[in-house]
């Protein structure tokens, strides 16, 4: 009887609107992060954009979690909804951690490979923003969703390679002249590279959550 009653109830499709809104904060944050990595006097302004988008994303995440508790019917498993929105929120949280480090050390110039990694963040964010609306009809869009998640995974692989190359370049610069280079610059640079890689890792987590949802619902 309960199953029959639930079948007659409307789906809680507002979840998809919230997911889509959150995905747009990811794109906006990623674009602002690229602005940060261009360096110069605009760095603080772009950092603030990311802080603002992170606060906006937190509000959307809270809406989703409240809706999960209050909704009788959800479009797919409640646990999957919570895991998906949390993984999305982790991505912009990591962007925020990145710019906090940059603000702390008052960094105003960045290595070319850092800017390239910023490009992978934008790419991963845009792929995510394309994938999220397709969850409204998983059966119809399963193939495309699988393609997008695979692309995000490949982006993460490229980002990982850039981080390794960047760390090697920092180390070589530090070792020049018998290791008398700027140790603090090396440590700060290595921390920024680590944060940037963590951002893309979080997008891979989002891709994994999406893949799991597709598997369970097709």
N, C-alpha and C. Protein backbone atom coordinates (compact mmCIF):
# COMPACT_ATOMS: atom_id res chain seq x y z
N UNK A 1 0.83 -1.21 0.00
CA UNK A 1 0.00 0.00 0.00
C UNK A 1 0.86 1.26 0.00
N UNK A 2 1.92 1.27 0.83
CA UNK A 2 2.79 2.43 0.90
C UNK A 2 3.48 2.68 -0.45
N UNK A 3 3.94 1.58 -1.09
CA UNK A 3 4.59 1.73 -2.39
C UNK A 3 3.64 2.31 -3.42
N UNK A 4 2.38 1.87 -3.40
CA UNK A 4 1.38 2.38 -4.33
C UNK A 4 1.13 3.87 -4.09
N UNK A 5 1.06 4.26 -2.81
CA UNK A 5 0.82 5.66 -2.47
C UNK A 5 1.98 6.55 -2.92
N UNK A 6 3.21 6.08 -2.69
CA UNK A 6 4.39 6.85 -3.09
C UNK A 6 4.45 7.02 -4.60
N UNK A 7 3.99 6.00 -5.32
CA UNK A 7 4.03 6.07 -6.79
C UNK A 7 3.12 7.17 -7.32
N UNK A 8 2.07 7.50 -6.55
CA UNK A 8 1.15 8.55 -6.97
C UNK A 8 1.63 9.95 -6.60
N UNK A 9 2.61 10.02 -5.71
CA UNK A 9 3.09 11.32 -5.26
C UNK A 9 4.04 11.92 -6.29
N UNK A 10 4.04 13.25 -6.44
CA UNK A 10 4.97 13.89 -7.38
C UNK A 10 6.41 13.75 -6.91
N UNK A 11 7.32 13.64 -7.88
CA UNK A 11 8.73 13.58 -7.55
C UNK A 11 9.20 14.94 -7.05
N UNK A 12 10.22 14.91 -6.17
CA UNK A 12 10.79 16.15 -5.66
C UNK A 12 11.87 16.65 -6.62
N UNK A 13 11.41 17.18 -7.76
CA UNK A 13 12.36 17.59 -8.80
C UNK A 13 13.10 18.87 -8.45
N UNK A 14 12.71 19.53 -7.36
CA UNK A 14 13.44 20.74 -6.98
C UNK A 14 14.88 20.43 -6.63
N UNK A 15 15.17 19.17 -6.28
CA UNK A 15 16.56 18.80 -6.02
C UNK A 15 17.44 19.13 -7.23
N UNK A 16 16.92 18.90 -8.42
CA UNK A 16 17.72 19.14 -9.62
C UNK A 16 18.01 20.63 -9.80
N UNK A 17 17.06 21.46 -9.44
CA UNK A 17 17.29 22.91 -9.51
C UNK A 17 18.40 23.32 -8.55
N UNK A 18 18.39 22.73 -7.35
CA UNK A 18 19.42 23.05 -6.37
C UNK A 18 20.79 22.54 -6.82
N UNK A 19 20.82 21.33 -7.38
CA UNK A 19 22.08 20.80 -7.91
C UNK A 19 22.63 21.73 -9.00
N UNK A 20 21.74 22.16 -9.89
CA UNK A 20 22.17 23.02 -11.00
C UNK A 20 22.70 24.36 -10.48
N UNK A 21 22.01 24.92 -9.50
CA UNK A 21 22.48 26.18 -8.91
C UNK A 21 23.86 26.01 -8.29
N UNK A 22 24.06 24.90 -7.60
CA UNK A 22 25.35 24.66 -6.97
C UNK A 22 26.44 24.49 -8.04
N UNK A 23 26.11 23.79 -9.12
CA UNK A 23 27.11 23.58 -10.16
C UNK A 23 27.55 24.90 -10.78
N UNK A 24 26.66 25.88 -10.80
CA UNK A 24 27.04 27.19 -11.34
C UNK A 24 27.97 27.94 -10.39
N UNK A 25 27.84 27.70 -9.08
CA UNK A 25 28.81 28.30 -8.15
C UNK A 25 30.19 27.68 -8.38
N UNK A 26 30.22 26.41 -8.77
CA UNK A 26 31.51 25.76 -9.05
C UNK A 26 32.17 26.39 -10.26
N UNK A 27 31.39 26.64 -11.30
CA UNK A 27 31.95 27.27 -12.50
C UNK A 27 32.44 28.68 -12.18
N UNK A 28 31.61 29.44 -11.46
CA UNK A 28 32.00 30.81 -11.10
C UNK A 28 33.26 30.81 -10.24
N UNK A 29 33.33 29.88 -9.30
CA UNK A 29 34.51 29.78 -8.45
C UNK A 29 35.75 29.41 -9.24
N UNK A 30 35.60 28.47 -10.17
CA UNK A 30 36.73 28.03 -10.99
C UNK A 30 37.23 29.17 -11.86
N UNK A 31 36.32 29.94 -12.44
CA UNK A 31 36.73 31.07 -13.28
C UNK A 31 37.43 32.14 -12.45
N UNK A 32 36.95 32.36 -11.23
CA UNK A 32 37.60 33.33 -10.35
C UNK A 32 38.99 32.82 -9.93
N UNK A 33 39.11 31.51 -9.72
CA UNK A 33 40.41 30.95 -9.37
C UNK A 33 41.42 31.17 -10.49
N UNK A 34 40.97 31.02 -11.73
CA UNK A 34 41.85 31.31 -12.86
C UNK A 34 42.26 32.78 -12.85
N UNK A 35 41.33 33.66 -12.48
CA UNK A 35 41.67 35.07 -12.35
C UNK A 35 42.72 35.30 -11.27
N UNK A 36 42.60 34.59 -10.16
CA UNK A 36 43.62 34.67 -9.10
C UNK A 36 44.99 34.29 -9.65
N UNK A 37 45.03 33.19 -10.39
CA UNK A 37 46.31 32.64 -10.86
C UNK A 37 46.95 33.48 -11.96
N UNK A 38 46.18 34.43 -12.52
CA UNK A 38 46.79 35.36 -13.46
C UNK A 38 47.70 36.35 -12.72
N UNK A 39 47.51 36.47 -11.41
CA UNK A 39 48.38 37.30 -10.59
C UNK A 39 48.06 38.77 -10.68
N UNK A 40 48.92 39.59 -10.06
CA UNK A 40 48.74 41.03 -10.10
C UNK A 40 47.88 41.56 -8.96
N UNK A 41 47.49 42.81 -9.10
CA UNK A 41 46.74 43.47 -8.04
C UNK A 41 45.28 43.03 -7.95
N UNK A 42 44.80 42.26 -8.94
CA UNK A 42 43.42 41.78 -8.90
C UNK A 42 43.24 40.52 -8.06
N UNK A 43 44.34 39.98 -7.56
CA UNK A 43 44.27 38.72 -6.80
C UNK A 43 43.28 38.81 -5.64
N UNK A 44 43.35 39.83 -4.76
CA UNK A 44 42.40 39.88 -3.64
C UNK A 44 40.94 39.92 -4.08
N UNK A 45 40.68 40.65 -5.17
CA UNK A 45 39.29 40.75 -5.65
C UNK A 45 38.77 39.39 -6.10
N UNK A 46 39.57 38.65 -6.84
CA UNK A 46 39.14 37.33 -7.28
C UNK A 46 39.04 36.35 -6.10
N UNK A 47 39.93 36.50 -5.13
CA UNK A 47 39.83 35.67 -3.92
C UNK A 47 38.48 35.87 -3.24
N UNK A 48 38.05 37.13 -3.16
CA UNK A 48 36.78 37.44 -2.51
C UNK A 48 35.61 36.84 -3.28
N UNK A 49 35.69 36.81 -4.60
CA UNK A 49 34.64 36.17 -5.40
C UNK A 49 34.48 34.71 -4.99
N UNK A 50 35.59 34.02 -4.80
CA UNK A 50 35.53 32.61 -4.41
C UNK A 50 34.94 32.46 -3.02
N UNK A 51 35.32 33.33 -2.10
CA UNK A 51 34.74 33.30 -0.75
C UNK A 51 33.23 33.48 -0.83
N UNK A 52 32.78 34.43 -1.63
CA UNK A 52 31.34 34.68 -1.77
C UNK A 52 30.62 33.48 -2.38
N UNK A 53 31.21 32.89 -3.42
CA UNK A 53 30.58 31.74 -4.06
C UNK A 53 30.56 30.54 -3.11
N UNK A 54 31.58 30.42 -2.28
CA UNK A 54 31.61 29.32 -1.31
C UNK A 54 30.48 29.47 -0.30
N UNK A 55 30.23 30.69 0.14
CA UNK A 55 29.12 30.93 1.07
C UNK A 55 27.78 30.62 0.39
N UNK A 56 27.65 31.03 -0.86
CA UNK A 56 26.44 30.73 -1.61
C UNK A 56 26.23 29.22 -1.74
N UNK A 57 27.31 28.51 -2.04
CA UNK A 57 27.23 27.05 -2.19
C UNK A 57 26.85 26.38 -0.88
N UNK A 58 27.36 26.90 0.24
CA UNK A 58 26.99 26.35 1.55
C UNK A 58 25.49 26.48 1.79
N UNK A 59 24.93 27.62 1.39
CA UNK A 59 23.49 27.80 1.56
C UNK A 59 22.69 26.82 0.73
N UNK A 60 23.12 26.58 -0.50
CA UNK A 60 22.43 25.62 -1.36
C UNK A 60 22.54 24.21 -0.79
N UNK A 61 23.71 23.88 -0.30
CA UNK A 61 23.91 22.55 0.31
C UNK A 61 22.98 22.36 1.49
N UNK A 62 22.85 23.39 2.30
CA UNK A 62 21.95 23.30 3.45
C UNK A 62 20.50 23.11 3.00
N UNK A 63 20.11 23.77 1.91
CA UNK A 63 18.76 23.59 1.36
C UNK A 63 18.53 22.15 0.92
N UNK A 64 19.53 21.58 0.27
CA UNK A 64 19.40 20.20 -0.19
C UNK A 64 19.25 19.25 0.99
N UNK A 65 20.08 19.41 1.99
CA UNK A 65 20.04 18.50 3.14
C UNK A 65 18.72 18.64 3.91
N UNK A 66 18.20 19.87 3.99
CA UNK A 66 16.90 20.07 4.62
C UNK A 66 15.80 19.42 3.80
N UNK A 67 15.88 19.56 2.49
CA UNK A 67 14.87 18.96 1.61
C UNK A 67 14.89 17.44 1.70
N UNK A 68 16.07 16.86 1.85
CA UNK A 68 16.18 15.41 2.00
C UNK A 68 15.42 14.94 3.24
N UNK A 69 15.56 15.70 4.31
CA UNK A 69 14.90 15.31 5.56
C UNK A 69 13.38 15.49 5.48
N UNK A 70 12.93 16.50 4.72
CA UNK A 70 11.51 16.83 4.71
C UNK A 70 10.73 16.17 3.59
N UNK A 71 11.41 15.69 2.57
CA UNK A 71 10.71 15.17 1.39
C UNK A 71 10.29 13.72 1.59
N UNK A 72 9.06 13.43 1.19
CA UNK A 72 8.56 12.06 1.25
C UNK A 72 9.14 11.22 0.12
N UNK A 73 9.24 11.86 -1.06
CA UNK A 73 9.77 11.17 -2.24
C UNK A 73 10.96 11.96 -2.76
N UNK A 74 12.02 11.27 -3.09
CA UNK A 74 13.20 11.88 -3.68
C UNK A 74 13.47 11.24 -5.03
N UNK A 75 14.14 11.96 -5.95
CA UNK A 75 14.33 11.43 -7.30
C UNK A 75 15.22 10.20 -7.36
N UNK A 76 16.14 10.09 -6.41
CA UNK A 76 16.92 8.86 -6.25
C UNK A 76 17.33 8.74 -4.79
N UNK A 77 18.11 7.74 -4.47
CA UNK A 77 18.41 7.40 -3.08
C UNK A 77 18.85 8.62 -2.26
N UNK A 78 18.34 8.74 -1.05
CA UNK A 78 18.66 9.88 -0.19
C UNK A 78 20.15 9.96 0.10
N UNK A 79 20.75 8.81 0.34
CA UNK A 79 22.17 8.80 0.60
C UNK A 79 22.97 9.30 -0.60
N UNK A 80 22.53 8.94 -1.80
CA UNK A 80 23.21 9.42 -3.01
C UNK A 80 23.06 10.93 -3.17
N UNK A 81 21.89 11.46 -2.83
CA UNK A 81 21.67 12.90 -2.91
C UNK A 81 22.62 13.63 -1.97
N UNK A 82 22.70 13.13 -0.73
CA UNK A 82 23.59 13.78 0.25
C UNK A 82 25.05 13.67 -0.17
N UNK A 83 25.44 12.51 -0.66
CA UNK A 83 26.84 12.33 -1.07
C UNK A 83 27.20 13.20 -2.27
N UNK A 84 26.26 13.34 -3.21
CA UNK A 84 26.52 14.15 -4.39
C UNK A 84 26.69 15.62 -4.02
N UNK A 85 25.75 16.17 -3.26
CA UNK A 85 25.84 17.59 -2.94
C UNK A 85 27.04 17.86 -2.04
N UNK A 86 27.39 16.91 -1.18
CA UNK A 86 28.55 17.11 -0.32
C UNK A 86 29.84 17.09 -1.12
N UNK A 87 29.92 16.20 -2.10
CA UNK A 87 31.13 16.16 -2.92
C UNK A 87 31.25 17.43 -3.75
N UNK A 88 30.13 17.96 -4.24
CA UNK A 88 30.16 19.23 -4.97
C UNK A 88 30.62 20.35 -4.04
N UNK A 89 30.10 20.34 -2.82
CA UNK A 89 30.47 21.39 -1.88
C UNK A 89 31.94 21.29 -1.49
N UNK A 90 32.45 20.06 -1.41
CA UNK A 90 33.87 19.88 -1.10
C UNK A 90 34.76 20.54 -2.16
N UNK A 91 34.29 20.53 -3.42
CA UNK A 91 35.10 21.11 -4.50
C UNK A 91 35.27 22.61 -4.31
N UNK A 92 34.19 23.31 -4.00
CA UNK A 92 34.33 24.76 -3.84
C UNK A 92 34.96 25.09 -2.48
N UNK A 93 34.77 24.23 -1.49
CA UNK A 93 35.47 24.40 -0.22
C UNK A 93 36.98 24.37 -0.45
N UNK A 94 37.42 23.46 -1.32
CA UNK A 94 38.84 23.34 -1.59
C UNK A 94 39.36 24.56 -2.36
N UNK A 95 38.53 25.11 -3.24
CA UNK A 95 38.93 26.37 -3.89
C UNK A 95 39.13 27.46 -2.83
N UNK A 96 38.24 27.49 -1.86
CA UNK A 96 38.33 28.48 -0.80
C UNK A 96 39.61 28.29 0.02
N UNK A 97 39.96 27.03 0.32
CA UNK A 97 41.20 26.75 1.04
C UNK A 97 42.41 27.23 0.24
N UNK A 98 42.33 27.07 -1.08
CA UNK A 98 43.43 27.49 -1.95
C UNK A 98 43.66 28.99 -1.85
N UNK A 99 42.58 29.76 -1.95
CA UNK A 99 42.76 31.21 -1.93
C UNK A 99 43.07 31.71 -0.52
N UNK A 100 42.69 30.97 0.51
CA UNK A 100 43.09 31.35 1.86
C UNK A 100 44.60 31.28 2.02
N UNK A 101 45.20 30.22 1.44
CA UNK A 101 46.65 30.10 1.47
C UNK A 101 47.30 31.25 0.69
N UNK A 102 46.74 31.54 -0.48
CA UNK A 102 47.28 32.62 -1.32
C UNK A 102 47.17 33.96 -0.60
N UNK A 103 46.03 34.20 0.08
CA UNK A 103 45.86 35.45 0.81
C UNK A 103 46.80 35.52 2.02
N UNK A 104 46.97 34.40 2.70
CA UNK A 104 47.83 34.37 3.88
C UNK A 104 49.25 34.79 3.55
N UNK A 105 49.76 34.27 2.44
CA UNK A 105 51.15 34.55 2.07
C UNK A 105 51.28 35.73 1.11
N UNK A 106 50.16 36.37 0.81
CA UNK A 106 50.13 37.55 -0.05
C UNK A 106 50.85 37.29 -1.38
N UNK A 107 50.52 36.15 -1.98
CA UNK A 107 51.13 35.77 -3.25
C UNK A 107 50.48 36.59 -4.36
N UNK A 108 51.31 37.12 -5.25
CA UNK A 108 50.80 37.95 -6.35
C UNK A 108 51.29 37.48 -7.72
N UNK A 109 52.14 36.47 -7.75
CA UNK A 109 52.58 35.92 -9.03
C UNK A 109 52.62 34.40 -8.92
N UNK A 110 52.35 33.74 -10.04
CA UNK A 110 52.18 32.29 -10.03
C UNK A 110 52.91 31.66 -11.20
N UNK A 111 53.34 30.43 -10.98
CA UNK A 111 54.07 29.70 -12.01
C UNK A 111 53.13 29.36 -13.18
N UNK A 112 53.68 29.26 -14.39
CA UNK A 112 52.85 28.91 -15.55
C UNK A 112 52.07 27.61 -15.36
N UNK A 113 52.66 26.62 -14.72
CA UNK A 113 51.96 25.35 -14.52
C UNK A 113 50.81 25.50 -13.53
N UNK A 114 50.91 26.44 -12.61
CA UNK A 114 49.78 26.71 -11.72
C UNK A 114 48.61 27.24 -12.53
N UNK A 115 48.91 28.14 -13.48
CA UNK A 115 47.83 28.67 -14.33
C UNK A 115 47.23 27.57 -15.19
N UNK A 116 48.07 26.66 -15.66
CA UNK A 116 47.55 25.53 -16.44
C UNK A 116 46.64 24.65 -15.58
N UNK A 117 47.02 24.45 -14.33
CA UNK A 117 46.16 23.67 -13.43
C UNK A 117 44.85 24.39 -13.17
N UNK A 118 44.90 25.73 -13.12
CA UNK A 118 43.66 26.48 -13.02
C UNK A 118 42.74 26.21 -14.19
N UNK A 119 43.33 26.01 -15.37
CA UNK A 119 42.54 25.65 -16.55
C UNK A 119 41.87 24.30 -16.39
N UNK A 120 42.54 23.35 -15.74
CA UNK A 120 41.90 22.04 -15.53
C UNK A 120 40.76 22.14 -14.53
N UNK A 121 40.87 23.05 -13.58
CA UNK A 121 39.77 23.27 -12.64
C UNK A 121 38.54 23.78 -13.38
N UNK A 122 38.74 24.76 -14.28
CA UNK A 122 37.62 25.27 -15.07
C UNK A 122 37.01 24.16 -15.92
N UNK A 123 37.87 23.37 -16.55
CA UNK A 123 37.38 22.29 -17.40
C UNK A 123 36.54 21.31 -16.60
N UNK A 124 37.03 20.90 -15.43
CA UNK A 124 36.29 19.96 -14.59
C UNK A 124 34.98 20.55 -14.12
N UNK A 125 34.99 21.84 -13.77
CA UNK A 125 33.76 22.50 -13.31
C UNK A 125 32.72 22.57 -14.41
N UNK A 126 33.15 22.89 -15.62
CA UNK A 126 32.19 22.98 -16.73
C UNK A 126 31.64 21.62 -17.12
N UNK A 127 32.47 20.59 -17.07
CA UNK A 127 31.98 19.24 -17.34
C UNK A 127 30.95 18.83 -16.29
N UNK A 128 31.21 19.18 -15.05
CA UNK A 128 30.27 18.88 -13.97
C UNK A 128 28.96 19.61 -14.19
N UNK A 129 29.04 20.89 -14.55
CA UNK A 129 27.83 21.68 -14.78
C UNK A 129 27.02 21.14 -15.96
N UNK A 130 27.69 20.53 -16.92
CA UNK A 130 26.97 19.91 -18.03
C UNK A 130 26.30 18.61 -17.59
N UNK A 131 26.97 17.87 -16.71
CA UNK A 131 26.46 16.56 -16.30
C UNK A 131 25.25 16.66 -15.37
N UNK A 132 25.28 17.61 -14.45
CA UNK A 132 24.26 17.67 -13.40
C UNK A 132 22.83 17.73 -13.95
N UNK A 133 22.50 18.58 -14.93
CA UNK A 133 21.12 18.62 -15.42
C UNK A 133 20.67 17.31 -16.08
N UNK A 134 21.62 16.52 -16.56
CA UNK A 134 21.27 15.27 -17.22
C UNK A 134 20.74 14.22 -16.24
N UNK A 135 20.94 14.45 -14.96
CA UNK A 135 20.44 13.51 -13.95
C UNK A 135 18.91 13.53 -13.86
N UNK A 136 18.28 14.52 -14.48
CA UNK A 136 16.81 14.55 -14.49
C UNK A 136 16.22 13.40 -15.29
N UNK A 137 17.00 12.85 -16.22
CA UNK A 137 16.54 11.70 -17.02
C UNK A 137 17.73 10.76 -17.22
N UNK A 138 18.05 10.02 -16.19
CA UNK A 138 19.27 9.21 -16.18
C UNK A 138 19.24 8.16 -17.29
N UNK A 139 18.11 7.49 -17.48
CA UNK A 139 18.03 6.46 -18.52
C UNK A 139 18.38 7.04 -19.89
N UNK A 140 17.82 8.19 -20.17
CA UNK A 140 18.01 8.82 -21.47
C UNK A 140 19.45 9.29 -21.67
N UNK A 141 20.07 9.77 -20.59
CA UNK A 141 21.37 10.42 -20.72
C UNK A 141 22.52 9.60 -20.14
N UNK A 142 22.30 8.33 -19.88
CA UNK A 142 23.32 7.51 -19.22
C UNK A 142 24.63 7.51 -19.99
N UNK A 143 24.57 7.36 -21.31
CA UNK A 143 25.80 7.30 -22.11
C UNK A 143 26.57 8.60 -22.02
N UNK A 144 25.87 9.72 -22.13
CA UNK A 144 26.52 11.01 -22.06
C UNK A 144 27.10 11.26 -20.66
N UNK A 145 26.36 10.87 -19.64
CA UNK A 145 26.86 11.00 -18.27
C UNK A 145 28.15 10.20 -18.08
N UNK A 146 28.18 9.00 -18.62
CA UNK A 146 29.39 8.18 -18.51
C UNK A 146 30.57 8.85 -19.22
N UNK A 147 30.29 9.43 -20.38
CA UNK A 147 31.34 10.12 -21.12
C UNK A 147 31.88 11.32 -20.33
N UNK A 148 30.98 12.09 -19.75
CA UNK A 148 31.40 13.28 -19.00
C UNK A 148 32.21 12.91 -17.77
N UNK A 149 31.79 11.87 -17.05
CA UNK A 149 32.54 11.48 -15.85
C UNK A 149 33.91 10.94 -16.23
N UNK A 150 33.99 10.24 -17.35
CA UNK A 150 35.30 9.76 -17.81
C UNK A 150 36.20 10.93 -18.19
N UNK A 151 35.62 11.97 -18.78
CA UNK A 151 36.41 13.15 -19.14
C UNK A 151 36.94 13.85 -17.90
N UNK A 152 36.11 13.94 -16.86
CA UNK A 152 36.57 14.55 -15.61
C UNK A 152 37.73 13.76 -15.02
N UNK A 153 37.65 12.44 -15.09
CA UNK A 153 38.73 11.60 -14.58
C UNK A 153 40.01 11.84 -15.36
N UNK A 154 39.90 12.00 -16.68
CA UNK A 154 41.09 12.28 -17.49
C UNK A 154 41.66 13.66 -17.16
N UNK A 155 40.79 14.63 -16.91
CA UNK A 155 41.26 15.96 -16.51
C UNK A 155 42.06 15.87 -15.22
N UNK A 156 41.56 15.08 -14.28
CA UNK A 156 42.28 14.90 -13.02
C UNK A 156 43.66 14.29 -13.26
N UNK A 157 43.74 13.35 -14.18
CA UNK A 157 45.03 12.74 -14.50
C UNK A 157 46.01 13.76 -15.06
N UNK A 158 45.53 14.64 -15.94
CA UNK A 158 46.39 15.69 -16.49
C UNK A 158 46.84 16.66 -15.41
N UNK A 159 45.92 16.99 -14.52
CA UNK A 159 46.25 17.90 -13.43
C UNK A 159 47.32 17.29 -12.53
N UNK A 160 47.22 16.01 -12.27
CA UNK A 160 48.19 15.32 -11.44
C UNK A 160 49.58 15.40 -12.07
N UNK A 161 49.64 15.20 -13.38
CA UNK A 161 50.92 15.29 -14.09
C UNK A 161 51.49 16.70 -14.01
N UNK A 162 50.62 17.71 -14.14
CA UNK A 162 51.09 19.10 -14.03
C UNK A 162 51.65 19.38 -12.65
N UNK A 163 50.97 18.87 -11.63
CA UNK A 163 51.47 19.08 -10.27
C UNK A 163 52.87 18.48 -10.11
N UNK A 164 53.06 17.27 -10.61
CA UNK A 164 54.37 16.63 -10.49
C UNK A 164 55.45 17.45 -11.20
N UNK A 165 55.13 17.92 -12.41
CA UNK A 165 56.08 18.73 -13.15
C UNK A 165 56.38 20.04 -12.42
N UNK A 166 55.32 20.64 -11.86
CA UNK A 166 55.49 21.90 -11.15
C UNK A 166 56.35 21.74 -9.91
N UNK A 167 56.11 20.68 -9.16
CA UNK A 167 56.91 20.43 -7.95
C UNK A 167 58.37 20.18 -8.31
N UNK A 168 58.59 19.45 -9.41
CA UNK A 168 59.96 19.19 -9.85
C UNK A 168 60.66 20.49 -10.22
N UNK A 169 59.94 21.37 -10.93
CA UNK A 169 60.53 22.65 -11.31
C UNK A 169 60.86 23.50 -10.09
N UNK A 170 59.96 23.49 -9.09
CA UNK A 170 60.23 24.22 -7.86
C UNK A 170 61.47 23.69 -7.16
N UNK A 171 61.57 22.37 -7.11
CA UNK A 171 62.71 21.74 -6.44
C UNK A 171 64.01 22.07 -7.16
N UNK A 172 63.98 22.01 -8.48
CA UNK A 172 65.20 22.31 -9.25
C UNK A 172 65.62 23.75 -9.05
N UNK A 173 64.65 24.66 -9.01
CA UNK A 173 64.97 26.07 -8.78
C UNK A 173 65.56 26.25 -7.38
N UNK A 174 65.02 25.51 -6.41
CA UNK A 174 65.50 25.61 -5.03
C UNK A 174 66.92 25.07 -4.90
N UNK A 175 67.21 24.00 -5.66
CA UNK A 175 68.53 23.36 -5.57
C UNK A 175 69.61 24.11 -6.35
N UNK A 176 69.18 25.02 -7.18
CA UNK A 176 70.16 25.79 -7.96
C UNK A 176 71.11 26.52 -7.02
N UNK A 177 72.33 26.64 -7.41
CA UNK A 177 73.35 27.31 -6.60
C UNK A 177 73.56 26.60 -5.27
N UNK A 178 73.55 25.27 -5.34
CA UNK A 178 73.88 24.49 -4.14
C UNK A 178 72.79 24.45 -3.10
N UNK A 179 71.53 24.67 -3.52
CA UNK A 179 70.43 24.55 -2.55
C UNK A 179 70.22 25.80 -1.73
N UNK A 180 70.75 26.93 -2.17
CA UNK A 180 70.60 28.17 -1.41
C UNK A 180 69.42 29.01 -1.88
N UNK A 181 68.47 28.36 -2.58
CA UNK A 181 67.32 29.09 -3.07
C UNK A 181 66.39 29.50 -1.94
N UNK A 182 65.31 30.12 -2.30
CA UNK A 182 64.34 30.64 -1.33
C UNK A 182 63.47 29.48 -0.82
N UNK A 183 63.77 29.01 0.38
CA UNK A 183 63.05 27.86 0.94
C UNK A 183 61.57 28.18 1.14
N UNK A 184 61.28 29.38 1.63
CA UNK A 184 59.88 29.74 1.86
C UNK A 184 59.10 29.77 0.55
N UNK A 185 59.70 30.29 -0.50
CA UNK A 185 59.03 30.32 -1.80
C UNK A 185 58.73 28.90 -2.28
N UNK A 186 59.68 28.00 -2.04
CA UNK A 186 59.47 26.60 -2.43
C UNK A 186 58.30 26.00 -1.65
N UNK A 187 58.28 26.22 -0.34
CA UNK A 187 57.22 25.64 0.49
C UNK A 187 55.85 26.21 0.12
N UNK A 188 55.78 27.52 -0.11
CA UNK A 188 54.50 28.13 -0.48
C UNK A 188 54.05 27.61 -1.84
N UNK A 189 54.98 27.56 -2.79
CA UNK A 189 54.63 27.05 -4.12
C UNK A 189 54.13 25.62 -4.07
N UNK A 190 54.81 24.79 -3.27
CA UNK A 190 54.40 23.39 -3.15
C UNK A 190 53.01 23.28 -2.53
N UNK A 191 52.72 24.16 -1.56
CA UNK A 191 51.40 24.13 -0.92
C UNK A 191 50.31 24.53 -1.91
N UNK A 192 50.58 25.54 -2.73
CA UNK A 192 49.59 25.97 -3.72
C UNK A 192 49.35 24.87 -4.74
N UNK A 193 50.42 24.23 -5.22
CA UNK A 193 50.25 23.11 -6.15
C UNK A 193 49.39 22.02 -5.51
N UNK A 194 49.64 21.73 -4.25
CA UNK A 194 48.86 20.70 -3.57
C UNK A 194 47.39 21.05 -3.47
N UNK A 195 47.11 22.31 -3.16
CA UNK A 195 45.71 22.74 -3.08
C UNK A 195 45.02 22.65 -4.44
N UNK A 196 45.71 23.07 -5.49
CA UNK A 196 45.11 23.02 -6.83
C UNK A 196 44.80 21.58 -7.23
N UNK A 197 45.71 20.67 -6.93
CA UNK A 197 45.44 19.27 -7.25
C UNK A 197 44.27 18.74 -6.43
N UNK A 198 44.17 19.17 -5.18
CA UNK A 198 43.05 18.75 -4.34
C UNK A 198 41.71 19.21 -4.91
N UNK A 199 41.69 20.42 -5.50
CA UNK A 199 40.44 20.91 -6.11
C UNK A 199 39.99 19.94 -7.20
N UNK A 200 40.90 19.58 -8.08
CA UNK A 200 40.53 18.69 -9.18
C UNK A 200 40.19 17.29 -8.65
N UNK A 201 40.87 16.87 -7.60
CA UNK A 201 40.52 15.59 -6.97
C UNK A 201 39.07 15.59 -6.50
N UNK A 202 38.64 16.70 -5.95
CA UNK A 202 37.26 16.79 -5.46
C UNK A 202 36.26 16.70 -6.62
N UNK A 203 36.63 17.24 -7.77
CA UNK A 203 35.75 17.09 -8.94
C UNK A 203 35.71 15.63 -9.39
N UNK A 204 36.81 14.93 -9.26
CA UNK A 204 36.78 13.50 -9.57
C UNK A 204 35.85 12.77 -8.61
N UNK A 205 35.82 13.20 -7.35
CA UNK A 205 34.86 12.61 -6.39
C UNK A 205 33.43 12.84 -6.86
N UNK A 206 33.14 14.04 -7.37
CA UNK A 206 31.81 14.32 -7.90
C UNK A 206 31.50 13.38 -9.05
N UNK A 207 32.46 13.21 -9.94
CA UNK A 207 32.27 12.31 -11.09
C UNK A 207 31.99 10.89 -10.61
N UNK A 208 32.68 10.45 -9.58
CA UNK A 208 32.45 9.10 -9.05
C UNK A 208 31.05 8.97 -8.46
N UNK A 209 30.58 10.02 -7.79
CA UNK A 209 29.22 9.99 -7.24
C UNK A 209 28.20 9.90 -8.37
N UNK A 210 28.41 10.68 -9.42
CA UNK A 210 27.49 10.64 -10.56
C UNK A 210 27.49 9.26 -11.19
N UNK A 211 28.67 8.68 -11.37
CA UNK A 211 28.77 7.34 -11.95
C UNK A 211 28.01 6.32 -11.12
N UNK A 212 28.13 6.43 -9.80
CA UNK A 212 27.41 5.52 -8.92
C UNK A 212 25.90 5.65 -9.04
N UNK A 213 25.43 6.88 -9.18
CA UNK A 213 23.99 7.12 -9.34
C UNK A 213 23.50 6.52 -10.65
N UNK A 214 24.28 6.69 -11.71
CA UNK A 214 23.91 6.12 -13.01
C UNK A 214 23.81 4.60 -12.89
N UNK A 215 24.78 3.98 -12.29
CA UNK A 215 24.80 2.52 -12.15
C UNK A 215 23.57 2.02 -11.40
N UNK A 216 23.22 2.75 -10.34
CA UNK A 216 22.11 2.29 -9.50
C UNK A 216 20.74 2.56 -10.12
N UNK A 217 20.67 3.45 -11.10
CA UNK A 217 19.35 3.86 -11.60
C UNK A 217 19.11 3.54 -13.08
N UNK A 218 20.00 2.83 -13.70
CA UNK A 218 19.80 2.44 -15.10
C UNK A 218 19.57 0.95 -15.19
